[in-house]
Amino acid sequence: MNTKSMITAAMALSTTTPFAEPEREVSVKRSSSQVATAGAPQYFTGSVKVQSRFQATSPARVGGGLVFFEPTARTAWHTHPLGQTLIVTEGAGLVQHWEGATQEIGPGDVVWIPPGVKHWHGATSENGMSHIAIAESLDGKTVEWMEHVSDAQYARTNGDVGE
């Protein structure tokens, strides 16, 4: 490399160095260190466990967790300001939006619930189900909880699956 090339390279490096990203560490949250907690009864019906909660730091706004539903367990009706993605990992589940048909979901299914759509999701009456739930926050809020899905609503919609 000639002197002119070395000077040009040194000048280029010196002008970009102050603008370089600071070093960042990748963090790993080990599953063995994450305790499953019971789903709060004001938001869930039946036996629900939530594990592997995560929330990105600003400016990112995505968060979520791994949720386990025993048979008949389900969320209350709720909405998400920026929508929600569910990735079913095990079992058999159900999802329904307000006044919509109940849809059966299973392992590998990816469910998209658009922003502001009132919905619920949970296990079928005979099988448990788990999913990863992912949602973004808007002004610090990821969910708006509403009334519980009644046993009558659940029985009616659960009976309609596959018919």
C-alpha atoms as a PDB file:
ATOM      1  CA  MET A   1       0.000   0.000   0.000  1.00  0.00           C
ATOM      2  CA  ASN A   2       1.464   3.368  -0.937  1.00  0.00           C
ATOM      3  CA  THR A   3       1.630   6.373   1.402  1.00  0.00           C
ATOM      4  CA  LYS A   4      -1.305   8.147  -0.240  1.00  0.00           C
ATOM      5  CA  SER A   5      -3.516   5.034   0.212  1.00  0.00           C
ATOM      6  CA  MET A   6      -2.487   4.657   3.876  1.00  0.00           C
ATOM      7  CA  ILE A   7      -3.268   8.330   4.598  1.00  0.00           C
ATOM      8  CA  THR A   8      -6.644   8.023   2.841  1.00  0.00           C
ATOM      9  CA  ALA A   9      -7.466   4.854   4.817  1.00  0.00           C
ATOM     10  CA  ALA A  10      -6.405   6.452   8.112  1.00  0.00           C
ATOM     11  CA  MET A  11      -8.529   9.523   7.416  1.00  0.00           C
ATOM     12  CA  ALA A  12     -11.530   7.372   6.558  1.00  0.00           C
ATOM     13  CA  LEU A  13     -11.168   5.355   9.765  1.00  0.00           C
ATOM     14  CA  SER A  14     -10.672   8.422  11.905  1.00  0.00           C
ATOM     15  CA  THR A  15     -13.845  10.034  10.590  1.00  0.00           C
ATOM     16  CA  THR A  16     -16.010   6.959  11.141  1.00  0.00           C
ATOM     17  CA  THR A  17     -14.694   5.812  14.508  1.00  0.00           C
ATOM     18  CA  PRO A  18     -16.579   8.416  16.603  1.00  0.00           C
ATOM     19  CA  PHE A  19     -19.824   7.333  14.923  1.00  0.00           C
ATOM     20  CA  ALA A  20     -19.362   3.605  15.546  1.00  0.00           C
ATOM     21  CA  GLU A  21     -21.990   1.806  17.637  1.00  0.00           C
ATOM     22  CA  PRO A  22     -20.967   1.217  21.235  1.00  0.00           C
ATOM     23  CA  GLU A  23     -20.183  -2.389  22.068  1.00  0.00           C
ATOM     24  CA  ARG A  24     -23.271  -4.355  22.980  1.00  0.00           C
ATOM     25  CA  GLU A  25     -23.592  -7.675  24.697  1.00  0.00           C
ATOM     26  CA  VAL A  26     -26.005 -10.349  23.667  1.00  0.00           C
ATOM     27  CA  SER A  27     -27.943 -11.482  26.715  1.00  0.00           C
ATOM     28  CA  VAL A  28     -29.237 -14.995  27.257  1.00  0.00           C
ATOM     29  CA  LYS A  29     -31.961 -15.679  29.790  1.00  0.00           C
ATOM     30  CA  ARG A  30     -31.643 -19.365  30.644  1.00  0.00           C
ATOM     31  CA  SER A  31     -34.902 -21.302  30.770  1.00  0.00           C
ATOM     32  CA  SER A  32     -33.775 -22.962  33.995  1.00  0.00           C
ATOM     33  CA  SER A  33     -33.727 -19.545  35.686  1.00  0.00           C
ATOM     34  CA  GLN A  34     -37.261 -18.609  34.628  1.00  0.00           C
ATOM     35  CA  VAL A  35     -40.022 -19.576  37.003  1.00  0.00           C
ATOM     36  CA  ALA A  36     -43.484 -20.292  35.640  1.00  0.00           C
ATOM     37  CA  THR A  37     -46.169 -18.254  37.387  1.00  0.00           C
ATOM     38  CA  ALA A  38     -49.901 -18.823  37.536  1.00  0.00           C
ATOM     39  CA  GLY A  39     -51.973 -16.760  35.120  1.00  0.00           C
ATOM     40  CA  ALA A  40     -53.814 -14.036  37.029  1.00  0.00           C
ATOM     41  CA  PRO A  41     -57.467 -15.037  37.597  1.00  0.00           C
ATOM     42  CA  GLN A  42     -58.706 -11.630  36.443  1.00  0.00           C
ATOM     43  CA  TYR A  43     -57.227 -12.366  32.973  1.00  0.00           C
ATOM     44  CA  PHE A  44     -57.591 -16.153  32.665  1.00  0.00           C
ATOM     45  CA  THR A  45     -60.129 -18.904  33.300  1.00  0.00           C
ATOM     46  CA  GLY A  46     -58.742 -22.275  34.388  1.00  0.00           C
ATOM     47  CA  SER A  47     -55.186 -23.370  34.990  1.00  0.00           C
ATOM     48  CA  VAL A  48     -52.690 -21.243  33.057  1.00  0.00           C
ATOM     49  CA  LYS A  49     -48.936 -20.891  33.578  1.00  0.00           C
ATOM     50  CA  VAL A  50     -46.781 -18.132  32.088  1.00  0.00           C
ATOM     51  CA  GLN A  51     -43.029 -18.571  31.651  1.00  0.00           C
ATOM     52  CA  SER A  52     -40.175 -17.030  29.708  1.00  0.00           C
ATOM     53  CA  ARG A  53     -41.521 -13.514  29.821  1.00  0.00           C
ATOM     54  CA  PHE A  54     -39.485 -11.060  27.833  1.00  0.00           C
ATOM     55  CA  GLN A  55     -39.614  -7.341  27.161  1.00  0.00           C
ATOM     56  CA  ALA A  56     -37.168  -5.587  24.866  1.00  0.00           C
ATOM     57  CA  THR A  57     -35.582  -2.367  26.032  1.00  0.00           C
ATOM     58  CA  SER A  58     -36.277   0.940  24.323  1.00  0.00           C
ATOM     59  CA  PRO A  59     -36.303   1.823  21.494  1.00  0.00           C
ATOM     60  CA  ALA A  60     -37.551  -1.704  20.765  1.00  0.00           C
ATOM     61  CA  ARG A  61     -41.071  -2.360  22.014  1.00  0.00           C
ATOM     62  CA  VAL A  62     -41.697  -6.085  21.528  1.00  0.00           C
ATOM     63  CA  GLY A  63     -42.409  -8.434  24.407  1.00  0.00           C
ATOM     64  CA  GLY A  64     -44.101 -11.702  25.160  1.00  0.00           C
ATOM     65  CA  GLY A  65     -43.903 -15.028  26.862  1.00  0.00           C
ATOM     66  CA  LEU A  66     -44.578 -18.738  26.736  1.00  0.00           C
ATOM     67  CA  VAL A  67     -48.072 -19.587  27.984  1.00  0.00           C
ATOM     68  CA  PHE A  68     -49.350 -23.060  28.996  1.00  0.00           C
ATOM     69  CA  PHE A  69     -53.115 -23.741  29.118  1.00  0.00           C
ATOM     70  CA  GLU A  70     -54.615 -26.851  30.735  1.00  0.00           C
ATOM     71  CA  PRO A  71     -57.778 -28.254  29.063  1.00  0.00           C
ATOM     72  CA  THR A  72     -60.647 -25.660  29.120  1.00  0.00           C
ATOM     73  CA  ALA A  73     -58.282 -22.879  30.240  1.00  0.00           C
ATOM     74  CA  ARG A  74     -58.458 -19.644  28.280  1.00  0.00           C
ATOM     75  CA  THR A  75     -57.800 -15.925  28.302  1.00  0.00           C
ATOM     76  CA  ALA A  76     -60.438 -13.299  28.972  1.00  0.00           C
ATOM     77  CA  TRP A  77     -61.548 -11.219  26.004  1.00  0.00           C
ATOM     78  CA  HIS A  78     -58.838  -8.676  25.208  1.00  0.00           C
ATOM     79  CA  THR A  79     -57.274  -6.461  22.537  1.00  0.00           C
ATOM     80  CA  HIS A  80     -53.729  -5.372  21.676  1.00  0.00           C
ATOM     81  CA  PRO A  81     -53.008  -1.827  20.444  1.00  0.00           C
ATOM     82  CA  LEU A  82     -50.492  -3.039  17.831  1.00  0.00           C
ATOM     83  CA  GLY A  83     -51.777  -6.597  17.363  1.00  0.00           C
ATOM     84  CA  GLN A  84     -50.495  -9.934  18.607  1.00  0.00           C
ATOM     85  CA  THR A  85     -48.762 -12.975  17.135  1.00  0.00           C
ATOM     86  CA  LEU A  86     -49.240 -16.436  18.646  1.00  0.00           C
ATOM     87  CA  ILE A  87     -46.994 -19.365  17.749  1.00  0.00           C
ATOM     88  CA  VAL A  88     -48.523 -22.639  18.927  1.00  0.00           C
ATOM     89  CA  THR A  89     -45.865 -24.972  20.350  1.00  0.00           C
ATOM     90  CA  GLU A  90     -47.903 -27.910  21.710  1.00  0.00           C
ATOM     91  CA  GLY A  91     -51.400 -29.325  22.037  1.00  0.00           C
ATOM     92  CA  ALA A  92     -54.727 -28.198  20.635  1.00  0.00           C
ATOM     93  CA  GLY A  93     -56.191 -24.751  21.103  1.00  0.00           C
ATOM     94  CA  LEU A  94     -58.865 -22.329  20.057  1.00  0.00           C
ATOM     95  CA  VAL A  95     -58.904 -18.693  19.024  1.00  0.00           C
ATOM     96  CA  GLN A  96     -61.912 -16.485  18.364  1.00  0.00           C
ATOM     97  CA  HIS A  97     -62.500 -12.821  17.615  1.00  0.00           C
ATOM     98  CA  TRP A  98     -65.657 -11.066  18.794  1.00  0.00           C
ATOM     99  CA  GLU A  99     -68.680 -12.381  16.856  1.00  0.00           C
ATOM    100  CA  GLY A 100     -66.366 -14.520  14.690  1.00  0.00           C
ATOM    101  CA  ALA A 101     -66.131 -18.262  14.293  1.00  0.00           C
ATOM    102  CA  THR A 102     -63.891 -20.231  16.626  1.00  0.00           C
ATOM    103  CA  GLN A 103     -60.792 -21.565  14.896  1.00  0.00           C
ATOM    104  CA  GLU A 104     -58.819 -24.595  16.022  1.00  0.00           C
ATOM    105  CA  ILE A 105     -55.052 -24.119  16.280  1.00  0.00           C
ATOM    106  CA  GLY A 106     -52.234 -26.614  16.712  1.00  0.00           C
ATOM    107  CA  PRO A 107     -48.441 -27.026  16.833  1.00  0.00           C
ATOM    108  CA  GLY A 108     -46.606 -24.878  14.312  1.00  0.00           C
ATOM    109  CA  ASP A 109     -49.619 -22.661  13.580  1.00  0.00           C
ATOM    110  CA  VAL A 110     -48.927 -18.933  13.596  1.00  0.00           C
ATOM    111  CA  VAL A 111     -51.903 -16.742  14.497  1.00  0.00           C
ATOM    112  CA  TRP A 112     -52.041 -13.007  13.754  1.00  0.00           C
ATOM    113  CA  ILE A 113     -54.585 -10.910  15.644  1.00  0.00           C
ATOM    114  CA  PRO A 114     -54.799  -7.394  14.147  1.00  0.00           C
ATOM    115  CA  PRO A 115     -54.591  -4.243  16.308  1.00  0.00           C
ATOM    116  CA  GLY A 116     -57.694  -3.519  18.368  1.00  0.00           C
ATOM    117  CA  VAL A 117     -59.471  -6.814  17.548  1.00  0.00           C
ATOM    118  CA  LYS A 118     -61.345  -8.195  20.572  1.00  0.00           C
ATOM    119  CA  HIS A 119     -60.451 -11.881  20.935  1.00  0.00           C
ATOM    120  CA  TRP A 120     -59.621 -14.778  23.238  1.00  0.00           C
ATOM    121  CA  HIS A 121     -57.468 -17.904  22.946  1.00  0.00           C
ATOM    122  CA  GLY A 122     -56.905 -21.026  24.986  1.00  0.00           C
ATOM    123  CA  ALA A 123     -57.038 -24.810  25.107  1.00  0.00           C
ATOM    124  CA  THR A 124     -59.748 -27.118  23.837  1.00  0.00           C
ATOM    125  CA  SER A 125     -61.947 -28.928  26.348  1.00  0.00           C
ATOM    126  CA  GLU A 126     -59.972 -32.168  25.948  1.00  0.00           C
ATOM    127  CA  ASN A 127     -56.395 -31.008  25.310  1.00  0.00           C
ATOM    128  CA  GLY A 128     -53.952 -28.569  26.794  1.00  0.00           C
ATOM    129  CA  MET A 129     -52.133 -26.085  24.576  1.00  0.00           C
ATOM    130  CA  SER A 130     -49.082 -23.860  24.782  1.00  0.00           C
ATOM    131  CA  HIS A 131     -48.049 -20.923  22.657  1.00  0.00           C
ATOM    132  CA  ILE A 132     -45.545 -18.145  22.462  1.00  0.00           C
ATOM    133  CA  ALA A 133     -47.362 -14.807  22.576  1.00  0.00           C
ATOM    134  CA  ILE A 134     -45.674 -11.750  21.064  1.00  0.00           C
ATOM    135  CA  ALA A 135     -46.984  -8.172  21.132  1.00  0.00           C
ATOM    136  CA  GLU A 136     -45.605  -4.661  20.815  1.00  0.00           C
ATOM    137  CA  SER A 137     -46.328  -1.917  23.296  1.00  0.00           C
ATOM    138  CA  LEU A 138     -47.838   1.420  22.410  1.00  0.00           C
ATOM    139  CA  ASP A 139     -47.288   4.133  25.000  1.00  0.00           C
ATOM    140  CA  GLY A 140     -46.182   1.420  27.432  1.00  0.00           C
ATOM    141  CA  LYS A 141     -49.314  -0.719  27.001  1.00  0.00           C
ATOM    142  CA  THR A 142     -49.503  -4.117  25.269  1.00  0.00           C
ATOM    143  CA  VAL A 143     -52.975  -5.351  26.216  1.00  0.00           C
ATOM    144  CA  GLU A 144     -56.447  -4.138  27.187  1.00  0.00           C
ATOM    145  CA  TRP A 145     -58.198  -6.805  29.267  1.00  0.00           C
ATOM    146  CA  MET A 146     -61.973  -7.131  29.194  1.00  0.00           C
ATOM    147  CA  GLU A 147     -64.625  -9.507  30.518  1.00  0.00           C
ATOM    148  CA  HIS A 148     -64.119 -13.248  30.884  1.00  0.00           C
ATOM    149  CA  VAL A 149     -65.244 -15.650  28.185  1.00  0.00           C
ATOM    150  CA  SER A 150     -68.237 -17.224  29.912  1.00  0.00           C
ATOM    151  CA  ASP A 151     -68.583 -20.994  30.236  1.00  0.00           C
ATOM    152  CA  ALA A 152     -71.634 -20.768  27.942  1.00  0.00           C
ATOM    153  CA  GLN A 153     -69.646 -18.850  25.272  1.00  0.00           C
ATOM    154  CA  TYR A 154     -66.786 -21.323  25.540  1.00  0.00           C
ATOM    155  CA  ALA A 155     -69.063 -24.397  25.407  1.00  0.00           C
ATOM    156  CA  ARG A 156     -70.924 -23.009  22.385  1.00  0.00           C
ATOM    157  CA  THR A 157     -67.795 -22.121  20.445  1.00  0.00           C
ATOM    158  CA  ASN A 158     -65.857 -25.227  21.500  1.00  0.00           C
ATOM    159  CA  GLY A 159     -68.732 -27.421  20.318  1.00  0.00           C
ATOM    160  CA  ASP A 160     -68.761 -25.691  16.917  1.00  0.00           C
ATOM    161  CA  VAL A 161     -65.135 -26.582  16.108  1.00  0.00           C
ATOM    162  CA  GLY A 162     -64.928 -28.945  13.144  1.00  0.00           C
ATOM    163  CA  GLU A 163     -68.660 -28.827  12.363  1.00  0.00           C
END
